[in-house]
Amino acid sequence: MACHSTQGSSLKVSSPPPEKGHPALLRLVLVAALAPTLVGCTDAPDHEAERTRRARQMRDVARMLDAMESPAPPVVASQPVATNPRVAPSPAAREAATPERHVASAPAWRWSFLAGSGGLATLFAVIVRRRRRSRAPVAEAPSVAPFFAEPPASPVAVEPSARRALNPTWVYRKTSYETPGLRMIPSAVDLLVPTYEPVSPESDAGGTYLLAFLADAAGDHGPFLVGDTRFPRLRRADATTTHLLAWREILDAQLDDDGDDGRLARWILPSLETELANDLPHREAASRLAAIEDEARARQARAAHAEPSFAASLVPVRLARIARMSGATRLFALRALAAESAGATDPCLLDAHIEVLLAWSSWSLAATASARLDDADAAACTLATFDGAWSARARHRRGDIRIRRAALRRATDGLDDLDEAQRLLDEAYERMPDAETALLAARAAERRARCLPPEEAASICSDALVHAFLAEQHPAWRRDAQACRRDVQRLYESLPHDPSPTNDEIP
């Protein structure tokens, strides 16, 4: 029962009944105390003084009217007017000279004092009474909560089997509209780079084992070797620093080899070291590039046979160093590098010389860039005199030069250069199908389509898409080929197309 009484008291807290008469009585006492005070502070009106003031004002007005109506007495100039000081003044003058008498007011302050004292005494009595009432204990008002409280239920014994039934077991039931589950088996990913075992020159690989092993280690992320198999070019693609370091370990194991694997390792390593140096900060990269060049020259000095194409392997390193220069320093370095490679008769050195001239033109403007492109075109014509893959490489270079030259001119003036570039690139791809050449042909076709009317641009966009799809097959050029394909598709969608004929228009 105590529990229910506590619950009832928590439901409703009783409060003492309000005293309604006390605030009204307090206000009445305050008004009774303030009213006599205000009355006592005001003076009683002096009626006698007011009557005297008004009578004086009336006499003054009457004298002014009499003076205005009576004629003025003649003034005799020869007889001065004598005034007699003993003549008695008139009654009006005496009355005017008489000072005002004020009637003393009744002693009203006494009544005010008595009224204020009575009001203060009444207020003090009310305050004392309220304090005495607040000290008296107040009986708690009755609450209705106990009437609504329920009696406590008697405890019921629960069997162990019933207790186990209180914990339900959830059972999932499948429905007919449920999406069937998909069983996905992810493909295995090998995150470890396979270990490389050096091959002796007398192995059955015939000098091609290094290329095959590097291709297997690259996978789809890179780096890749593109171009000629004897003098390949390194393309990083999506390779990270970890992949480049793995390649360097493979190449370091073959540097001292006198066979084809050793020559290929010494050819690739400077370009690989350049890519690693590009990941370093600016100052560290500059010093690292200088060290790479010195190390390459030292390795070449230790080689058993002199390699005429050794200078071409250092061109990527020196161009990377020049790219970090600016102003006159870059210009002088480019002139020195172009002078060293000029007049070369080796096809590999000729191709490196063209690469230097193209880099020089990309860092120049207007007439200077056009002059460097002319020099590169002349060197490409010399390279075209060689047979085999170098002939296709020369046409690839000339097509690239034509595209760069068209970029220096206006759209309509560069159309002839783009047509010539398209022809040269098509011939290069026929002689040696290459993903890089297909990508360059797609770029040339895209630029041609931008300069032609919509009727001709639609067919050229189709050719560009074909070349872009061909370039996507090689992982080294896949990202650039996909970007080119998206550009061509946007260009094709922006062309105005004729609406399809309706049934009424078909004969």
Protein backbone atom coordinates (compact mmCIF):
# COMPACT_ATOMS: atom_id res chain seq x y z
CA MET A 1 0.00 0.00 0.00
CA ALA A 2 2.92 2.32 0.67
CA CYS A 3 4.05 1.78 -2.90
CA HIS A 4 0.67 2.92 -4.22
CA SER A 5 0.60 5.99 -2.00
CA THR A 6 4.03 6.96 -3.30
CA GLN A 7 2.84 6.51 -6.85
CA GLY A 8 -0.25 8.65 -6.14
CA SER A 9 1.81 11.44 -4.65
CA SER A 10 4.12 11.41 -7.70
CA LEU A 11 1.11 11.74 -9.98
CA LYS A 12 -0.21 14.89 -8.27
CA VAL A 13 1.53 17.33 -5.93
CA SER A 14 -0.98 19.28 -3.82
CA SER A 15 -0.53 23.02 -3.24
CA PRO A 16 -2.08 25.31 -0.58
CA PRO A 17 -5.27 27.14 -1.58
CA PRO A 18 -4.65 30.67 -2.80
CA GLU A 19 -5.65 33.56 -0.50
CA LYS A 20 -7.86 35.77 -2.63
CA GLY A 21 -8.65 38.56 -0.09
CA HIS A 22 -5.08 39.50 0.79
CA PRO A 23 -4.00 41.10 -2.56
CA ALA A 24 -7.20 43.21 -2.68
CA LEU A 25 -6.71 44.31 0.95
CA LEU A 26 -3.10 45.20 0.26
CA ARG A 27 -4.07 47.38 -2.71
CA LEU A 28 -6.79 49.11 -0.67
CA VAL A 29 -4.33 49.95 2.12
CA LEU A 30 -1.83 51.38 -0.36
CA VAL A 31 -4.48 53.62 -1.94
CA ALA A 32 -5.66 54.78 1.49
CA ALA A 33 -2.09 55.71 2.46
CA LEU A 34 -1.27 57.54 -0.78
CA ALA A 35 -4.51 59.55 -1.09
CA PRO A 36 -4.12 61.59 2.15
CA THR A 37 -0.49 62.16 1.34
CA LEU A 38 -1.34 63.66 -2.03
CA VAL A 39 -4.09 65.77 -0.50
CA GLY A 40 -1.78 67.06 2.17
CA CYS A 41 0.94 67.97 -0.27
CA THR A 42 -1.41 70.33 -2.14
CA ASP A 43 -2.08 73.85 -0.66
CA ALA A 44 -5.64 75.08 0.03
CA PRO A 45 -6.82 77.73 -2.47
CA ASP A 46 -6.58 81.38 -1.18
CA HIS A 47 -9.95 82.90 -2.28
CA GLU A 48 -9.42 86.27 -0.53
CA ALA A 49 -6.19 86.95 -2.37
CA GLU A 50 -7.81 85.99 -5.66
CA ARG A 51 -10.68 88.50 -5.07
CA THR A 52 -8.23 91.27 -4.15
CA ARG A 53 -6.18 90.64 -7.32
CA ARG A 54 -9.24 90.78 -9.54
CA ALA A 55 -10.51 94.04 -7.88
CA ARG A 56 -7.14 95.68 -8.47
CA GLN A 57 -7.20 94.66 -12.11
CA MET A 58 -10.71 96.18 -12.52
CA ARG A 59 -9.63 99.52 -10.93
CA ASP A 60 -6.64 99.71 -13.25
CA VAL A 61 -8.88 99.19 -16.26
CA ALA A 62 -11.35 101.86 -15.03
CA ARG A 63 -8.56 104.47 -14.57
CA MET A 64 -7.26 103.76 -18.04
CA LEU A 65 -10.72 104.32 -19.55
CA ASP A 66 -11.24 107.60 -17.57
CA ALA A 67 -7.88 108.90 -18.71
CA MET A 68 -8.71 108.19 -22.30
CA GLU A 69 -12.17 109.94 -22.20
CA SER A 70 -11.19 113.18 -20.23
CA PRO A 71 -9.55 116.02 -22.30
CA ALA A 72 -5.98 116.94 -21.49
CA PRO A 73 -5.63 120.29 -19.44
CA PRO A 74 -3.89 123.23 -21.23
CA VAL A 75 -0.27 123.65 -20.42
CA VAL A 76 1.01 127.25 -19.80
CA ALA A 77 4.63 127.48 -20.70
CA SER A 78 5.32 130.74 -18.83
CA GLN A 79 3.97 129.47 -15.51
CA PRO A 80 5.51 126.31 -14.26
CA VAL A 81 3.32 123.93 -12.44
CA ALA A 82 4.09 123.71 -8.79
CA THR A 83 3.54 120.63 -6.94
CA ASN A 84 2.52 120.67 -3.36
CA PRO A 85 3.95 117.81 -1.44
CA ARG A 86 1.43 118.26 1.29
CA VAL A 87 -1.59 117.59 -0.90
CA ALA A 88 -3.15 114.29 0.18
CA PRO A 89 -3.28 111.61 -2.49
CA SER A 90 -6.54 110.46 -3.82
CA PRO A 91 -8.25 107.35 -2.46
CA ALA A 92 -7.41 105.42 -5.64
CA ALA A 93 -3.72 106.21 -5.24
CA ARG A 94 -3.78 105.20 -1.63
CA GLU A 95 -5.50 102.00 -2.47
CA ALA A 96 -2.96 101.25 -5.25
CA ALA A 97 -0.06 101.94 -2.93
CA THR A 98 -1.42 99.66 -0.26
CA PRO A 99 0.51 96.33 -0.29
CA GLU A 100 -1.36 93.14 -0.92
CA ARG A 101 -2.40 91.18 2.08
CA HIS A 102 -2.34 87.40 1.91
CA VAL A 103 -4.70 85.39 3.93
CA ALA A 104 -2.89 82.57 5.72
CA SER A 105 -3.98 79.13 4.62
CA ALA A 106 -5.28 76.54 7.04
CA PRO A 107 -2.74 74.11 8.57
CA ALA A 108 -3.45 71.28 6.07
CA TRP A 109 -0.11 69.52 6.62
CA ARG A 110 -1.27 68.23 9.96
CA TRP A 111 -4.11 66.27 8.43
CA SER A 112 -1.76 64.93 5.75
CA PHE A 113 0.69 63.72 8.39
CA LEU A 114 -2.05 61.98 10.33
CA ALA A 115 -3.41 60.26 7.17
CA GLY A 116 0.03 59.07 6.08
CA SER A 117 0.83 57.71 9.52
CA GLY A 118 -2.41 55.77 9.58
CA GLY A 119 -1.72 54.25 6.16
CA LEU A 120 1.79 53.12 7.16
CA ALA A 121 0.46 51.56 10.34
CA THR A 122 -2.16 49.62 8.41
CA LEU A 123 0.45 48.39 5.90
CA PHE A 124 2.72 47.21 8.73
CA ALA A 125 -0.15 45.33 10.32
CA VAL A 126 -0.99 43.53 7.05
CA ILE A 127 2.64 42.47 6.51
CA VAL A 128 2.93 41.08 10.04
CA ARG A 129 -0.27 39.11 9.59
CA ARG A 130 0.89 37.55 6.29
CA ARG A 131 4.18 36.44 7.84
CA ARG A 132 2.41 34.78 10.71
CA ARG A 133 0.16 32.89 8.31
CA SER A 134 3.10 31.68 6.19
CA ARG A 135 4.79 30.22 9.26
CA ALA A 136 1.76 28.18 10.22
CA PRO A 137 1.88 24.54 8.92
CA VAL A 138 -0.20 23.94 5.80
CA ALA A 139 -2.09 20.71 5.58
CA GLU A 140 -1.46 18.71 2.42
CA ALA A 141 -4.45 18.66 0.10
CA PRO A 142 -5.94 15.24 -0.54
CA SER A 143 -5.00 13.52 -3.80
CA VAL A 144 -7.21 11.34 -5.99
CA ALA A 145 -4.30 9.13 -7.12
CA PRO A 146 -4.88 6.39 -4.51
CA PHE A 147 -8.43 5.85 -5.85
CA PHE A 148 -7.04 4.91 -9.30
CA ALA A 149 -4.15 2.73 -8.11
CA GLU A 150 -4.40 -1.01 -8.71
CA PRO A 151 -3.56 -3.51 -5.99
CA PRO A 152 -0.22 -5.32 -6.49
CA ALA A 153 -0.47 -8.63 -8.27
CA SER A 154 0.64 -11.64 -6.37
CA PRO A 155 3.78 -13.35 -7.78
CA VAL A 156 3.07 -16.34 -9.97
CA ALA A 157 5.57 -19.15 -10.29
CA VAL A 158 6.80 -19.61 -13.87
CA GLU A 159 7.90 -23.00 -15.03
CA PRO A 160 11.31 -23.40 -16.74
CA SER A 161 9.69 -24.50 -20.00
CA ALA A 162 7.55 -21.37 -20.03
CA ARG A 163 10.65 -19.22 -19.44
CA ARG A 164 12.32 -20.68 -22.48
CA ALA A 165 9.22 -19.87 -24.51
CA LEU A 166 9.49 -16.18 -23.55
CA ASN A 167 12.61 -15.78 -25.74
CA PRO A 168 11.33 -16.08 -29.33
CA THR A 169 13.46 -17.48 -32.11
CA TRP A 170 13.36 -15.48 -35.34
CA VAL A 171 12.88 -17.54 -38.44
CA TYR A 172 13.49 -15.97 -41.86
CA ARG A 173 11.07 -17.11 -44.56
CA LYS A 174 11.82 -16.44 -48.17
CA THR A 175 9.19 -14.90 -50.40
CA SER A 176 8.46 -15.21 -54.09
CA TYR A 177 9.30 -11.57 -54.83
CA GLU A 178 12.71 -11.70 -53.16
CA THR A 179 15.77 -10.92 -55.29
CA PRO A 180 17.81 -14.06 -55.76
CA GLY A 181 21.28 -13.99 -54.28
CA LEU A 182 24.30 -13.58 -56.57
CA ARG A 183 27.32 -15.72 -56.01
CA MET A 184 30.38 -13.75 -57.10
CA ILE A 185 33.75 -15.40 -57.34
CA PRO A 186 36.46 -12.72 -57.51
CA SER A 187 39.42 -13.35 -59.72
CA ALA A 188 42.69 -14.06 -58.01
CA VAL A 189 45.13 -11.15 -57.82
CA ASP A 190 48.83 -11.74 -57.48
CA LEU A 191 50.30 -8.80 -55.57
CA LEU A 192 53.82 -10.19 -55.57
CA VAL A 193 56.27 -9.51 -58.38
CA PRO A 194 57.76 -12.82 -59.56
CA THR A 195 61.43 -13.23 -58.82
CA TYR A 196 63.78 -12.92 -61.73
CA GLU A 197 66.46 -15.50 -62.44
CA PRO A 198 69.31 -14.20 -64.62
CA VAL A 199 69.85 -16.06 -67.83
CA SER A 200 73.30 -16.74 -69.12
CA PRO A 201 74.21 -15.69 -72.70
CA GLU A 202 74.33 -19.38 -73.70
CA SER A 203 70.65 -19.93 -72.79
CA ASP A 204 68.08 -21.08 -75.29
CA ALA A 205 66.18 -17.79 -74.93
CA GLY A 206 68.37 -16.23 -77.57
CA GLY A 207 68.40 -12.79 -75.90
CA THR A 208 64.60 -12.44 -75.82
CA TYR A 209 64.07 -13.74 -72.30
CA LEU A 210 64.41 -10.29 -70.72
CA LEU A 211 61.69 -8.77 -72.91
CA ALA A 212 59.30 -11.62 -72.15
CA PHE A 213 59.96 -11.47 -68.43
CA LEU A 214 59.52 -7.68 -68.31
CA ALA A 215 56.21 -8.04 -70.15
CA ASP A 216 55.01 -10.64 -67.65
CA ALA A 217 56.03 -8.46 -64.70
CA ALA A 218 54.27 -5.41 -66.15
CA GLY A 219 50.80 -6.93 -66.45
CA ASP A 220 48.07 -4.46 -67.39
CA HIS A 221 49.27 -1.55 -65.26
CA GLY A 222 52.72 -1.02 -66.81
CA PRO A 223 55.34 0.04 -67.48
CA PHE A 224 55.51 -1.03 -71.11
CA LEU A 225 58.08 -1.18 -73.89
CA VAL A 226 56.73 0.16 -77.18
CA GLY A 227 58.21 0.57 -80.62
CA ASP A 228 61.14 -1.35 -82.03
CA THR A 229 62.08 -4.52 -80.17
CA ARG A 230 65.82 -3.73 -80.46
CA PHE A 231 65.56 -0.11 -79.29
CA PRO A 232 62.22 0.06 -77.45
CA ARG A 233 60.84 3.15 -75.74
CA LEU A 234 59.59 3.10 -72.15
CA ARG A 235 56.00 4.14 -71.50
CA ARG A 236 54.93 4.34 -67.87
CA ALA A 237 51.11 4.29 -68.32
CA ASP A 238 49.53 3.46 -64.91
CA ALA A 239 52.64 2.02 -63.28
CA THR A 240 53.44 3.09 -59.73
CA THR A 241 56.83 3.61 -58.14
CA THR A 242 56.72 0.06 -56.78
CA HIS A 243 56.41 -1.39 -60.28
CA LEU A 244 59.27 0.77 -61.52
CA LEU A 245 61.49 -0.37 -58.67
CA ALA A 246 60.69 -3.99 -59.47
CA TRP A 247 61.79 -3.40 -63.08
CA ARG A 248 65.00 -1.77 -61.89
CA GLU A 249 65.91 -4.85 -59.85
CA ILE A 250 65.39 -6.98 -62.94
CA LEU A 251 67.52 -4.71 -65.12
CA ASP A 252 70.31 -4.37 -62.52
CA ALA A 253 70.81 -8.13 -62.67
CA GLN A 254 71.64 -7.94 -66.40
CA LEU A 255 73.76 -4.79 -66.59
CA ASP A 256 77.09 -6.64 -66.69
CA ASP A 257 75.91 -9.10 -69.35
CA ASP A 258 77.72 -8.83 -72.70
CA GLY A 259 74.82 -10.29 -74.68
CA ASP A 260 71.60 -8.81 -75.99
CA ASP A 261 69.99 -8.82 -72.56
CA GLY A 262 72.80 -6.71 -71.12
CA ARG A 263 72.65 -4.24 -74.03
CA LEU A 264 68.85 -4.00 -73.67
CA ALA A 265 69.14 -3.46 -69.90
CA ARG A 266 71.67 -0.64 -70.39
CA TRP A 267 69.36 0.89 -73.01
CA ILE A 268 66.19 0.84 -70.86
CA LEU A 269 67.67 1.72 -67.47
CA PRO A 270 68.27 5.50 -68.08
CA SER A 271 64.63 6.00 -69.11
CA LEU A 272 63.45 3.99 -66.12
CA GLU A 273 65.62 5.99 -63.74
CA THR A 274 64.21 9.20 -65.26
CA GLU A 275 60.66 8.12 -64.46
CA LEU A 276 61.68 7.37 -60.88
CA ALA A 277 63.35 10.77 -60.59
CA ASN A 278 60.15 12.48 -61.75
CA ASP A 279 58.47 11.24 -58.55
CA LEU A 280 60.98 13.11 -56.37
CA PRO A 281 60.82 16.77 -55.28
CA HIS A 282 62.26 19.39 -57.63
CA ARG A 283 65.70 19.78 -56.07
CA GLU A 284 66.22 16.09 -55.43
CA ALA A 285 65.07 15.27 -58.98
CA ALA A 286 67.60 17.68 -60.53
CA SER A 287 70.52 16.17 -58.65
CA ARG A 288 69.27 12.63 -59.29
CA LEU A 289 69.04 13.22 -63.06
CA ALA A 290 72.62 14.44 -63.14
CA ALA A 291 73.71 11.32 -61.25
CA ILE A 292 71.76 9.09 -63.68
CA GLU A 293 73.65 10.54 -66.64
CA ASP A 294 77.02 10.06 -64.94
CA GLU A 295 76.18 6.47 -64.00
CA ALA A 296 75.10 5.68 -67.57
CA ARG A 297 78.36 7.01 -68.98
CA ALA A 298 80.33 5.00 -66.44
CA ARG A 299 78.48 1.80 -67.40
CA GLN A 300 79.11 2.46 -71.06
CA ALA A 301 82.81 2.91 -70.35
CA ARG A 302 82.95 -0.50 -68.66
CA ALA A 303 81.12 -2.21 -71.54
CA ALA A 304 83.18 -4.59 -73.68
CA HIS A 305 81.83 -3.27 -77.00
CA ALA A 306 81.14 0.32 -77.98
CA GLU A 307 77.50 1.00 -78.77
CA PRO A 308 76.90 3.74 -81.34
CA SER A 309 73.32 4.26 -80.17
CA PHE A 310 74.37 4.90 -76.56
CA ALA A 311 73.89 8.70 -76.88
CA ALA A 312 70.24 8.16 -77.86
CA SER A 313 69.52 6.43 -74.54
CA LEU A 314 70.60 9.60 -72.68
CA VAL A 315 68.22 11.90 -74.60
CA PRO A 316 65.24 11.27 -72.25
CA VAL A 317 67.45 12.05 -69.26
CA ARG A 318 68.77 15.29 -70.72
CA LEU A 319 65.31 16.41 -71.87
CA ALA A 320 64.00 15.83 -68.36
CA ARG A 321 66.79 18.04 -66.99
CA ILE A 322 66.06 20.75 -69.58
CA ALA A 323 62.34 20.68 -68.74
CA ARG A 324 63.22 21.87 -65.21
CA MET A 325 65.06 24.90 -66.61
CA SER A 326 63.57 28.17 -67.81
CA GLY A 327 64.37 31.16 -69.96
CA ALA A 328 67.77 31.49 -71.60
CA THR A 329 69.16 28.51 -69.65
CA ARG A 330 66.70 26.18 -71.35
CA LEU A 331 67.38 27.70 -74.78
CA PHE A 332 71.15 27.28 -74.50
CA ALA A 333 70.77 23.68 -73.26
CA LEU A 334 68.46 22.84 -76.19
CA ARG A 335 70.88 24.33 -78.69
CA ALA A 336 73.74 22.32 -77.23
CA LEU A 337 71.76 19.08 -77.26
CA ALA A 338 70.50 19.63 -80.82
CA ALA A 339 74.03 20.41 -82.01
CA GLU A 340 75.35 17.15 -80.51
CA SER A 341 72.77 15.00 -82.29
CA ALA A 342 72.78 16.90 -85.58
CA GLY A 343 74.40 15.22 -88.60
CA ALA A 344 73.90 11.70 -87.20
CA THR A 345 73.84 8.79 -89.63
CA ASP A 346 72.57 6.12 -87.24
CA PRO A 347 68.74 5.74 -87.45
CA CYS A 348 68.44 5.53 -83.68
CA LEU A 349 70.36 8.81 -83.27
CA LEU A 350 68.28 10.41 -86.04
CA ASP A 351 65.06 9.51 -84.22
CA ALA A 352 66.49 10.93 -80.98
CA HIS A 353 67.44 14.15 -82.84
CA ILE A 354 63.83 14.47 -84.09
CA GLU A 355 62.61 14.03 -80.51
CA VAL A 356 64.86 16.92 -79.40
CA LEU A 357 63.57 19.20 -82.17
CA LEU A 358 59.93 18.38 -81.37
CA ALA A 359 60.52 19.16 -77.68
CA TRP A 360 62.19 22.45 -78.70
CA SER A 361 59.19 23.41 -80.86
CA SER A 362 56.76 22.66 -78.01
CA TRP A 363 58.65 25.14 -75.80
CA SER A 364 58.70 27.83 -78.52
CA LEU A 365 56.14 30.09 -80.19
CA ALA A 366 55.11 31.12 -83.72
CA ALA A 367 58.06 31.41 -86.14
CA THR A 368 60.59 29.70 -83.87
CA ALA A 369 58.35 26.66 -83.41
CA SER A 370 57.68 26.50 -87.17
CA ALA A 371 61.44 26.61 -87.91
CA ARG A 372 62.13 23.74 -85.51
CA LEU A 373 59.35 21.71 -87.13
CA ASP A 374 60.93 22.27 -90.53
CA ASP A 375 64.24 20.94 -89.21
CA ALA A 376 62.47 17.92 -87.72
CA ASP A 377 60.73 17.24 -91.06
CA ALA A 378 64.07 17.29 -92.86
CA ALA A 379 65.51 14.81 -90.34
CA ALA A 380 62.43 12.58 -90.78
CA CYS A 381 62.96 12.56 -94.55
CA THR A 382 66.51 11.35 -93.94
CA LEU A 383 65.20 8.65 -91.61
CA ALA A 384 62.78 7.49 -94.33
CA THR A 385 65.74 6.36 -96.45
CA PHE A 386 66.32 3.41 -94.09
CA ASP A 387 64.45 0.17 -94.67
CA GLY A 388 62.26 -1.89 -92.41
CA ALA A 389 60.66 -0.47 -89.30
CA TRP A 390 62.58 2.81 -89.58
CA SER A 391 60.71 3.68 -92.76
CA ALA A 392 57.38 3.31 -90.94
CA ARG A 393 58.81 5.25 -88.00
CA ALA A 394 59.80 8.09 -90.35
CA ARG A 395 56.24 8.36 -91.71
CA HIS A 396 54.92 8.33 -88.15
CA ARG A 397 57.25 11.21 -87.29
CA ARG A 398 56.28 13.21 -90.38
CA GLY A 399 52.59 12.76 -89.60
CA ASP A 400 53.16 14.02 -86.06
CA ILE A 401 55.07 17.02 -87.41
CA ARG A 402 52.19 17.87 -89.77
CA ILE A 403 49.70 17.78 -86.91
CA ARG A 404 51.87 20.08 -84.82
CA ARG A 405 52.26 22.47 -87.74
CA ALA A 406 48.49 22.61 -88.27
CA ALA A 407 48.05 23.52 -84.62
CA LEU A 408 50.15 26.67 -85.19
CA ARG A 409 47.80 27.89 -87.94
CA ARG A 410 44.14 28.72 -88.22
CA ALA A 411 41.62 25.95 -88.69
CA THR A 412 41.05 26.52 -92.41
CA ASP A 413 44.75 27.06 -93.20
CA GLY A 414 45.82 23.90 -91.37
CA LEU A 415 43.45 21.59 -93.24
CA ASP A 416 46.04 20.75 -95.91
CA ASP A 417 48.57 19.76 -93.25
CA LEU A 418 45.99 17.54 -91.57
CA ASP A 419 45.15 15.82 -94.85
CA GLU A 420 48.84 15.12 -95.43
CA ALA A 421 49.25 13.88 -91.86
CA GLN A 422 46.32 11.48 -92.32
CA ARG A 423 47.89 10.07 -95.48
CA LEU A 424 51.31 9.58 -93.87
CA LEU A 425 49.87 7.92 -90.77
CA ASP A 426 47.76 5.53 -92.83
CA GLU A 427 50.88 4.48 -94.76
CA ALA A 428 52.82 4.03 -91.52
CA TYR A 429 50.10 1.83 -90.07
CA GLU A 430 50.01 -0.31 -93.20
CA ARG A 431 53.77 -0.86 -93.06
CA MET A 432 53.86 -1.57 -89.32
CA PRO A 433 50.57 -1.83 -87.38
CA ASP A 434 51.18 -0.03 -84.10
CA ALA A 435 48.81 1.24 -81.38
CA GLU A 436 50.69 4.53 -81.13
CA THR A 437 50.28 5.16 -84.87
CA ALA A 438 46.57 4.26 -84.72
CA LEU A 439 46.04 6.71 -81.86
CA LEU A 440 47.82 9.49 -83.74
CA ALA A 441 45.71 8.76 -86.83
CA ALA A 442 42.55 9.02 -84.75
CA ARG A 443 43.67 12.42 -83.41
CA ALA A 444 44.38 13.65 -86.93
CA ALA A 445 40.95 12.49 -88.14
CA GLU A 446 39.23 14.23 -85.24
CA ARG A 447 40.90 17.55 -86.05
CA ARG A 448 40.02 17.16 -89.71
CA ALA A 449 36.37 16.57 -88.83
CA ARG A 450 36.28 19.84 -86.91
CA CYS A 451 37.38 21.76 -90.01
CA LEU A 452 35.01 20.15 -92.54
CA PRO A 453 31.25 20.50 -93.22
CA PRO A 454 28.90 18.20 -91.28
CA GLU A 455 28.30 15.94 -94.30
CA GLU A 456 32.01 15.06 -94.64
CA ALA A 457 32.75 15.21 -90.89
CA ALA A 458 30.40 12.29 -90.13
CA SER A 459 32.36 9.81 -92.26
CA ILE A 460 35.70 11.06 -90.92
CA CYS A 461 34.44 10.59 -87.35
CA SER A 462 33.71 6.97 -88.21
CA ASP A 463 37.32 6.49 -89.35
CA ALA A 464 38.59 8.16 -86.18
CA LEU A 465 36.51 5.82 -84.02
CA VAL A 466 37.94 2.78 -85.83
CA HIS A 467 41.52 3.89 -85.15
CA ALA A 468 40.69 4.72 -81.52
CA PHE A 469 39.25 1.24 -80.97
CA LEU A 470 42.40 -0.28 -82.47
CA ALA A 471 44.61 1.76 -80.13
CA GLU A 472 42.58 0.64 -77.09
CA GLN A 473 43.71 -2.95 -77.60
CA HIS A 474 47.19 -2.14 -76.26
CA PRO A 475 47.27 -1.45 -72.50
CA ALA A 476 50.05 1.12 -72.91
CA TRP A 477 47.79 3.44 -74.94
CA ARG A 478 44.39 2.41 -73.59
CA ARG A 479 43.73 5.45 -71.44
CA ASP A 480 44.68 7.97 -74.15
CA ALA A 481 42.71 6.02 -76.75
CA GLN A 482 39.59 6.03 -74.57
CA ALA A 483 39.88 9.81 -74.10
CA CYS A 484 40.23 10.25 -77.86
CA ARG A 485 37.20 8.03 -78.52
CA ARG A 486 35.06 10.07 -76.12
CA ASP A 487 36.09 13.29 -77.87
CA VAL A 488 35.17 11.84 -81.26
CA GLN A 489 31.80 10.62 -79.99
CA ARG A 490 30.95 14.04 -78.57
CA LEU A 491 31.94 15.65 -81.85
CA TYR A 492 29.78 13.21 -83.82
CA GLU A 493 26.78 13.80 -81.55
CA SER A 494 27.11 17.57 -81.98
CA LEU A 495 26.84 17.32 -85.76
CA PRO A 496 23.41 18.15 -87.26
CA HIS A 497 21.71 14.99 -88.51
CA ASP A 498 18.82 14.71 -90.96
CA PRO A 499 15.60 13.40 -89.39
CA SER A 500 14.60 9.91 -90.37
CA PRO A 501 11.94 9.83 -93.15
CA THR A 502 8.37 9.09 -92.16
CA ASN A 503 6.08 6.54 -93.78
CA ASP A 504 4.43 9.22 -95.93
CA GLU A 505 7.78 10.31 -97.40
CA ILE A 506 8.85 6.77 -98.37
CA PRO A 507 7.76 6.08 -102.01
